[in-house]
């Protein structure tokens, strides 16, 4: 299955008119899930940095007591 990149490199348009077979469909789904997992892992990796550089401001203190 050949693929062509459009204006948005995150979105791939298949150039074929046929539907993927069972193996291709499985690989496409595994690839999508793996990409999502890696994105979540990169976010989890950034959490200690964000927590370590957090500074309480009067606005954030007021927002936390307003709830």
N, C-alpha and C. Protein backbone atom coordinates (compact mmCIF):
# COMPACT_ATOMS: atom_id res chain seq x y z
N UNK A 1 0.86 -1.17 0.00
CA UNK A 1 0.00 0.00 0.00
C UNK A 1 0.90 1.22 0.00
N UNK A 2 0.94 1.95 -1.09
CA UNK A 2 1.77 3.15 -1.14
C UNK A 2 1.02 4.32 -0.53
N UNK A 3 1.75 5.23 0.11
CA UNK A 3 1.15 6.35 0.81
C UNK A 3 1.67 7.66 0.25
N UNK A 4 0.84 8.67 0.25
CA UNK A 4 1.24 9.99 -0.20
C UNK A 4 0.99 10.99 0.92
N UNK A 5 1.99 11.84 1.19
CA UNK A 5 1.83 12.88 2.21
C UNK A 5 1.17 14.09 1.59
N UNK A 6 0.20 14.65 2.29
CA UNK A 6 -0.46 15.87 1.82
C UNK A 6 0.17 17.09 2.47
N UNK A 7 -0.63 18.12 2.67
CA UNK A 7 -0.15 19.35 3.30
C UNK A 7 0.19 19.13 4.77
N UNK A 8 -0.51 18.22 5.42
CA UNK A 8 -0.31 17.94 6.83
C UNK A 8 0.45 16.62 6.95
N UNK A 9 1.74 16.66 7.35
CA UNK A 9 2.50 15.40 7.42
C UNK A 9 1.99 14.43 8.49
N UNK A 10 1.14 14.89 9.42
CA UNK A 10 0.59 14.00 10.43
C UNK A 10 -0.59 13.20 9.88
N UNK A 11 -1.10 13.60 8.73
CA UNK A 11 -2.24 12.91 8.13
C UNK A 11 -1.81 12.31 6.80
N UNK A 12 -1.93 11.02 6.67
CA UNK A 12 -1.49 10.31 5.47
C UNK A 12 -2.70 9.82 4.71
N UNK A 13 -2.75 10.13 3.42
CA UNK A 13 -3.82 9.66 2.55
C UNK A 13 -3.34 8.45 1.75
N UNK A 14 -4.03 7.32 1.84
CA UNK A 14 -3.62 6.17 1.01
C UNK A 14 -3.91 6.46 -0.46
N UNK A 15 -3.00 6.03 -1.32
CA UNK A 15 -3.18 6.28 -2.75
C UNK A 15 -3.96 5.16 -3.44
N UNK A 16 -4.14 4.03 -2.80
CA UNK A 16 -4.86 2.91 -3.40
C UNK A 16 -6.35 3.02 -3.17
N UNK A 17 -7.13 2.34 -4.02
CA UNK A 17 -8.59 2.36 -3.89
C UNK A 17 -9.12 1.18 -3.09
N UNK A 18 -8.25 0.24 -2.77
CA UNK A 18 -8.72 -0.96 -2.07
C UNK A 18 -8.63 -0.76 -0.55
N UNK A 19 -9.40 -1.54 0.16
CA UNK A 19 -9.34 -1.54 1.61
C UNK A 19 -8.17 -2.42 2.06
N UNK A 20 -7.57 -2.12 3.22
CA UNK A 20 -6.47 -2.97 3.68
C UNK A 20 -6.98 -4.36 4.05
N UNK A 21 -6.12 -5.36 3.84
CA UNK A 21 -6.50 -6.71 4.25
C UNK A 21 -6.32 -6.83 5.77
N UNK A 22 -6.56 -8.00 6.29
CA UNK A 22 -6.55 -8.21 7.75
C UNK A 22 -5.19 -7.87 8.37
N UNK A 23 -4.11 -8.30 7.74
CA UNK A 23 -2.78 -8.03 8.28
C UNK A 23 -2.43 -6.55 8.22
N UNK A 24 -2.74 -5.89 7.11
CA UNK A 24 -2.47 -4.46 7.00
C UNK A 24 -3.30 -3.67 7.99
N UNK A 25 -4.56 -4.06 8.16
CA UNK A 25 -5.43 -3.39 9.11
C UNK A 25 -4.87 -3.53 10.53
N UNK A 26 -4.40 -4.72 10.88
CA UNK A 26 -3.81 -4.96 12.19
C UNK A 26 -2.58 -4.08 12.38
N UNK A 27 -1.70 -4.03 11.38
CA UNK A 27 -0.48 -3.22 11.49
C UNK A 27 -0.79 -1.73 11.59
N UNK A 28 -1.79 -1.27 10.86
CA UNK A 28 -2.18 0.14 10.95
C UNK A 28 -2.68 0.47 12.36
N UNK A 29 -3.48 -0.42 12.93
CA UNK A 29 -4.00 -0.19 14.28
C UNK A 29 -2.90 -0.27 15.33
N UNK A 30 -2.00 -1.23 15.19
CA UNK A 30 -0.88 -1.34 16.13
C UNK A 30 0.01 -0.10 16.04
N UNK A 31 0.26 0.38 14.83
CA UNK A 31 1.06 1.58 14.64
C UNK A 31 0.42 2.80 15.27
N UNK A 32 -0.89 2.93 15.12
CA UNK A 32 -1.59 4.07 15.71
C UNK A 32 -1.55 4.00 17.23
N UNK A 33 -1.76 2.81 17.78
CA UNK A 33 -1.72 2.66 19.25
C UNK A 33 -0.32 2.91 19.79
N UNK A 34 0.70 2.44 19.07
CA UNK A 34 2.09 2.65 19.48
C UNK A 34 2.45 4.13 19.45
N UNK A 35 2.00 4.84 18.43
CA UNK A 35 2.25 6.28 18.35
C UNK A 35 1.59 7.00 19.51
N UNK A 36 0.36 6.60 19.86
CA UNK A 36 -0.33 7.21 20.99
C UNK A 36 0.39 6.91 22.31
N UNK A 37 0.85 5.67 22.48
CA UNK A 37 1.58 5.28 23.68
C UNK A 37 2.87 6.09 23.82
N UNK A 38 3.60 6.27 22.74
CA UNK A 38 4.84 7.05 22.79
C UNK A 38 4.56 8.52 23.12
N UNK A 39 3.46 9.06 22.61
CA UNK A 39 3.09 10.44 22.94
C UNK A 39 2.76 10.56 24.43
N UNK A 40 2.03 9.59 24.98
CA UNK A 40 1.71 9.61 26.41
C UNK A 40 2.98 9.47 27.24
N UNK A 41 3.90 8.61 26.83
CA UNK A 41 5.16 8.45 27.56
C UNK A 41 5.97 9.74 27.56
N UNK A 42 5.96 10.46 26.45
CA UNK A 42 6.71 11.72 26.42
C UNK A 42 6.06 12.74 27.35
N UNK A 43 4.73 12.71 27.46
CA UNK A 43 4.06 13.61 28.40
C UNK A 43 4.38 13.21 29.84
N UNK A 44 4.39 11.92 30.12
CA UNK A 44 4.73 11.46 31.47
C UNK A 44 6.17 11.82 31.84
N UNK A 45 7.04 11.79 30.85
CA UNK A 45 8.44 12.13 31.08
C UNK A 45 8.59 13.61 31.46
N UNK A 46 7.69 14.46 30.96
CA UNK A 46 7.78 15.90 31.22
C UNK A 46 7.16 16.30 32.56
N UNK A 47 6.38 15.43 33.19
CA UNK A 47 5.69 15.79 34.44
C UNK A 47 6.66 16.19 35.55
N UNK A 48 7.73 15.43 35.84
CA UNK A 48 8.63 15.86 36.92
C UNK A 48 9.26 17.23 36.66
N UNK A 49 9.53 17.53 35.41
CA UNK A 49 10.10 18.85 35.08
C UNK A 49 9.09 19.94 35.38
N UNK A 50 7.84 19.71 34.99
CA UNK A 50 6.80 20.71 35.23
C UNK A 50 6.53 20.89 36.71
N UNK A 51 6.48 19.81 37.46
CA UNK A 51 6.22 19.89 38.89
C UNK A 51 7.40 20.54 39.60
N UNK A 52 8.60 20.25 39.16
CA UNK A 52 9.79 20.83 39.79
C UNK A 52 9.94 22.31 39.56
N UNK A 53 9.38 22.83 38.46
CA UNK A 53 9.51 24.25 38.17
C UNK A 53 8.24 25.03 38.49
N UNK A 54 7.28 24.39 39.18
CA UNK A 54 6.02 25.06 39.51
C UNK A 54 6.25 26.14 40.56
N UNK A 55 5.67 27.29 40.34
CA UNK A 55 5.72 28.38 41.32
C UNK A 55 4.29 28.80 41.62
N UNK A 56 3.97 28.86 42.90
CA UNK A 56 2.64 29.29 43.30
C UNK A 56 2.53 30.82 43.17
N UNK A 57 1.50 31.27 42.50
CA UNK A 57 1.25 32.69 42.35
C UNK A 57 -0.04 33.05 43.06
N UNK A 58 -0.30 34.29 43.32
CA UNK A 58 -1.57 34.65 43.96
C UNK A 58 -2.78 34.21 43.13
N UNK A 59 -2.65 34.24 41.81
CA UNK A 59 -3.76 33.83 40.95
C UNK A 59 -4.03 32.32 41.09
N UNK A 60 -2.95 31.52 41.14
CA UNK A 60 -3.16 30.08 41.27
C UNK A 60 -3.68 29.72 42.66
N UNK A 61 -3.24 30.44 43.69
CA UNK A 61 -3.76 30.21 45.05
C UNK A 61 -5.26 30.56 45.12
N UNK A 62 -5.65 31.67 44.47
CA UNK A 62 -7.06 32.05 44.47
C UNK A 62 -7.89 31.05 43.68
N UNK A 63 -7.36 30.53 42.61
CA UNK A 63 -8.09 29.54 41.80
C UNK A 63 -8.28 28.24 42.56
N UNK A 64 -7.29 27.83 43.35
CA UNK A 64 -7.41 26.57 44.09
C UNK A 64 -8.37 26.70 45.26
N UNK A 65 -8.51 27.88 45.84
CA UNK A 65 -9.45 28.05 46.96
C UNK A 65 -10.85 28.37 46.46
N UNK A 66 -11.02 28.74 45.20
CA UNK A 66 -12.34 29.07 44.66
C UNK A 66 -13.17 27.84 44.38
N UNK A 67 -12.57 26.68 44.30
CA UNK A 67 -13.33 25.46 43.96
C UNK A 67 -13.97 24.84 45.16
